[in-house]
Protein backbone atom coordinates (compact mmCIF):
# COMPACT_ATOMS: atom_id res chain seq x y z
CA MET A 1 5.53 -14.14 0.80
CA SER A 2 2.72 -16.61 1.08
CA ALA A 3 -0.94 -16.29 2.04
CA ALA A 4 0.07 -17.25 5.61
CA HIS A 5 1.93 -13.94 5.86
CA TYR A 6 -1.38 -12.04 5.64
CA GLU A 7 -3.46 -14.25 7.95
CA PRO A 8 -2.70 -12.23 11.14
CA TYR A 9 -3.75 -9.01 9.39
CA GLU A 10 -6.88 -10.64 8.05
CA LEU A 11 -7.81 -11.94 11.51
CA LEU A 12 -7.36 -8.49 13.05
CA ALA A 13 -9.43 -6.91 10.27
CA GLU A 14 -12.26 -9.44 10.76
CA ARG A 15 -12.32 -8.75 14.51
CA GLY A 16 -12.30 -4.98 13.97
CA ASP A 17 -8.97 -4.65 15.78
CA LEU A 18 -6.81 -3.55 12.87
CA THR A 19 -5.75 0.03 13.60
CA VAL A 20 -3.89 0.65 10.35
CA ARG A 21 -4.86 0.25 6.73
CA VAL A 22 -3.13 -2.65 4.98
CA PHE A 23 -3.14 -2.79 1.20
CA TRP A 24 -0.92 -5.13 -0.78
CA THR A 25 -0.05 -6.12 -4.27
CA THR A 26 0.77 -9.56 -5.56
CA ILE A 27 4.35 -9.69 -6.76
CA ARG A 28 5.55 -12.60 -8.81
CA GLN A 29 8.73 -12.57 -10.85
CA PRO A 30 8.58 -15.56 -13.17
CA ALA A 31 11.80 -16.01 -15.09
CA THR A 32 10.97 -18.99 -17.31
CA PRO A 33 8.02 -20.06 -19.46
CA GLU A 34 7.32 -22.84 -16.94
CA GLN A 35 7.03 -20.28 -14.13
CA VAL A 36 4.75 -18.17 -16.35
CA GLU A 37 2.39 -21.15 -16.57
CA LYS A 38 2.18 -21.25 -12.76
CA VAL A 39 1.46 -17.51 -12.63
CA LEU A 40 -1.23 -17.81 -15.31
CA ALA A 41 -2.90 -20.54 -13.26
CA GLU A 42 -2.91 -18.25 -10.21
CA ILE A 43 -4.38 -15.16 -11.89
CA PRO A 44 -8.03 -16.38 -12.17
CA GLY A 45 -8.15 -16.71 -8.37
CA LEU A 46 -7.12 -13.10 -7.67
CA LYS A 47 -9.75 -11.02 -5.92
CA THR A 48 -8.62 -7.43 -6.26
CA PHE A 49 -10.50 -4.60 -4.58
CA GLN A 50 -12.76 -7.02 -2.73
CA GLY A 51 -11.48 -6.46 0.79
CA ASN A 52 -12.61 -3.78 3.20
CA ASP A 53 -11.40 -0.32 4.24
CA HIS A 54 -8.62 -1.78 6.36
CA PHE A 55 -7.42 -4.88 4.56
CA GLN A 56 -7.51 -5.12 0.80
CA HIS A 57 -5.61 -6.63 -2.11
CA ILE A 58 -5.16 -3.91 -4.68
CA GLY A 59 -3.55 -5.64 -7.63
CA TRP A 60 -0.40 -6.91 -9.24
CA GLY A 61 3.06 -5.48 -8.65
CA GLU A 62 5.15 -3.77 -11.28
CA SER A 63 7.26 -6.79 -12.18
CA VAL A 64 5.59 -9.02 -14.74
CA TYR A 65 8.26 -11.19 -16.36
CA SER A 66 11.75 -11.02 -14.92
CA PRO A 67 13.82 -11.22 -18.15
CA VAL A 68 11.96 -8.18 -19.51
CA THR A 69 11.24 -6.02 -16.48
CA THR A 70 14.75 -4.70 -15.95
CA GLN A 71 15.82 -4.78 -19.60
CA LEU A 72 13.40 -2.64 -21.59
CA LEU A 73 14.93 0.78 -20.96
CA ARG A 74 18.59 -0.20 -20.97
CA LYS A 75 20.74 0.77 -23.94
CA THR A 76 22.36 -2.65 -23.72
CA SER A 77 19.03 -4.45 -23.58
CA ASN A 78 19.00 -7.91 -25.05
CA THR A 79 15.25 -8.40 -24.76
CA LYS A 80 14.09 -11.25 -26.95
CA PRO A 81 10.73 -11.41 -28.76
CA GLU A 82 9.86 -14.62 -26.91
CA ASP A 83 10.40 -12.82 -23.58
CA ILE A 84 8.06 -10.02 -24.66
CA GLY A 85 5.58 -12.75 -25.60
CA GLN A 86 5.70 -14.23 -22.08
CA MET A 87 5.20 -10.77 -20.56
CA ARG A 88 2.27 -10.17 -22.91
CA ARG A 89 0.61 -13.44 -21.82
CA ILE A 90 0.69 -12.38 -18.18
CA ALA A 91 -0.37 -8.77 -18.85
CA GLN A 92 -3.34 -9.87 -20.97
CA ALA A 93 -4.43 -12.42 -18.35
CA LEU A 94 -4.28 -9.72 -15.67
CA ALA A 95 -6.25 -7.27 -17.81
CA ALA A 96 -8.94 -9.86 -18.46
CA ARG A 97 -9.22 -10.62 -14.73
CA ALA A 98 -9.24 -7.01 -13.58
CA LYS A 99 -12.72 -6.14 -14.88
CA SER A 100 -11.05 -3.71 -17.23
CA PHE A 101 -13.42 -1.50 -19.18
CA GLN A 102 -10.88 -0.38 -21.77
CA VAL A 103 -10.80 -1.72 -25.27
CA PRO A 104 -7.30 -3.06 -26.01
CA SER A 105 -5.42 -1.22 -28.73
CA ASN A 106 -3.78 -4.49 -29.77
CA ARG A 107 -6.22 -6.09 -32.20
CA SER A 108 -5.01 -9.59 -31.38
CA ALA A 109 -5.59 -9.15 -27.62
CA PRO A 110 -8.89 -10.61 -26.45
CA PRO A 111 -11.10 -7.82 -25.05
CA PRO A 112 -11.94 -7.99 -21.35
CA GLN A 113 -15.40 -9.32 -20.58
CA HIS A 114 -16.63 -5.93 -19.32
CA ALA A 115 -15.11 -3.84 -22.11
CA PRO A 116 -17.58 -2.06 -24.38
CA ARG A 117 -18.05 -3.59 -27.81
CA LEU A 118 -17.03 -1.09 -30.46
CA ALA A 119 -19.53 -2.63 -32.89
CA ASP A 120 -22.36 -1.63 -30.52
CA MET A 121 -21.29 2.01 -30.19
CA LYS A 122 -22.82 4.85 -32.08
CA LEU A 123 -19.91 7.03 -33.14
CA ILE A 124 -20.07 10.46 -34.65
CA ASP A 125 -18.38 11.23 -37.93
CA TYR A 126 -15.87 13.69 -36.48
CA ASP A 127 -14.36 16.11 -38.97
CA PHE A 128 -10.79 16.32 -37.69
CA ALA A 129 -9.72 18.76 -40.39
CA ARG A 130 -12.45 21.26 -39.49
CA TYR A 131 -12.65 20.91 -35.69
CA GLY A 132 -8.92 20.34 -35.29
CA ALA A 133 -8.08 23.63 -36.96
CA SER A 134 -6.81 26.24 -34.51
CA ALA A 135 -9.27 28.98 -35.45
CA GLU A 136 -12.33 26.70 -35.19
CA ARG A 137 -11.13 25.24 -31.91
CA GLN A 138 -10.68 28.74 -30.46
CA ARG A 139 -14.13 29.77 -31.69
CA LEU A 140 -15.74 26.77 -30.00
CA ILE A 141 -13.86 27.31 -26.75
CA GLN A 142 -14.88 30.98 -26.65
CA ARG A 143 -18.49 30.04 -27.36
CA TRP A 144 -18.44 27.44 -24.57
CA GLU A 145 -16.95 29.95 -22.13
CA ARG A 146 -19.56 32.55 -23.11
CA GLU A 147 -22.62 30.25 -23.05
CA VAL A 148 -21.72 27.59 -20.48
CA GLY A 149 -18.69 28.59 -18.45
CA SER A 150 -20.17 31.95 -17.49
CA GLN A 151 -23.30 30.41 -15.93
CA PRO A 152 -23.68 30.70 -12.14
CA ARG A 153 -22.73 27.59 -10.21
């Protein structure tokens, strides 16, 4: 589908005549590195969640890179590292564009612009051995229920 497919819906939405809600996702299924380059060039222009209550683009479809999408969970999968690399390029470009506030778990992935900087956070020195122990956890839950959970709402 092209942008022309959505023009009638957009026109109705602008005039206030759209009587249904229309939300869509962009679906691209690149199958070669050359097609990935075209997709990567398109991603910066996406404007997700910037429509209105009746007509809005909500994101990217579930298919990212065709050679990987249908292969990952098959026992006979022949997924190649270079295919995973192409999928990763698209996924990271989408995450960077989506105003994602998560910090990537992959250290080599560039963090999204809006993600918090871990270096700027004040973290507590959490004692996992103590507070992860079953007895201590139960004690804290009971205390919370007694002191907080029992308060009138």
